[in-house]
Amino acid sequence: MFLKRAWDHELAWHFRRSPVAIAAALLTLACVGAALLAPWIAPQDPFNVAVLDLNEAFLPPAWLPGGKAAFLLGSDNQGRDILSTILYGARISLGVGLASVALALVLGVSAGLAAGYLGGRTDALIMRIADVQLSFPAILIALLVDGVARVALPASSQDRIAIPVLVLSIGFAGWVQYARAVRGSTLVERQKEYVQAARVIGRSPLAIMAEHVLPNVLGPVLVIATIHIATAIITEATLSFLGVGVPATQPSLGTLIRVGNEFLYSGEWWITVFPGAALVVLVLSVNLVGDWLRDALNPRLR
């Protein structure tokens, strides 16, 4: 019964009528599934030094002269299988992207609810902080947070906590758009009858925001979060490419592109091209799903 209602839902109807959305969703599922199943489907564990052989470094893709069938997309400077590094790297890129979006969503939604419902000085303070942060590029905010964390934390623990610091950096850089969207919706919702009734019966402002206003302002948040996942993955890849992201022992797609870039002009193009292509496919598919969701939830864009 639940599946039938979901299938007949208006959102599902719009999804079935959009070939681009279907293709993007299938591609996204394939990317996520491949990343999650990397330990079982990857031809090699690229981070197990016991199985690496430097004699197999810089092998071209299997269809080129000198390539081997065991290394379908070739190997890198350490003899690691490129296909395996992409699968394992995508796990880290997706994990960092999803975690940072979740953090930004929690921070932004909380701030937006407080600003829109409480108003006054609280609204002015939160929005002025948001305006100041919007004057800086997100990548600069992420670099600032990452740099402060690296200075404040002992050098011996930096590699171990590099991923949490990266999540904090990207999440803190992206909360503003959630806050602004939720604040605008909350300003409308707080004037409606159900909120007034909740006030009359003596419910606390926190309870009203969490139980009454929040469920009615989540529509725009879901669209922003979907698109923000792709942005967060790109930001993580940029930071890793700059050398301030995840450590070399746990490389993401951005780290793989940075490593391969060092050998691009010496002829080993596959070390950077294939991870770059994987990043493009992943981000493009997520963006297309986000664009479809935005159009489907906005009647004026249908």
Foldseek 3Di string as FASTA:
>chain_A
DVVVCVCPDLLVVLCVVDPLLVVLVVLLVVLVVLLVCLVPPPLDQQLPLVPWDQVQALQAAQVDPRHDPSQRHGHHNGRGRLVSLLSLQSNLLLVLLLLLLVLLLVVQLVLLLCLQQVPDPSVVVSVVVLVVLVVDDLLVQLVVQLVVVCVVDDPVCCQVCQSVSSSVSNNVSRNSVSSVQSSVQSNVVCPDDVNVVCVVVPDDSVCCSVPPSVVVRCLVVVLCSLLSSLVSSVSQLVCLLVVSHHDPSRHHLSVQLNSLVVCCVVPSVSSNPVSVVSSVSNSVSSNSNSVSSVQSSDVVND
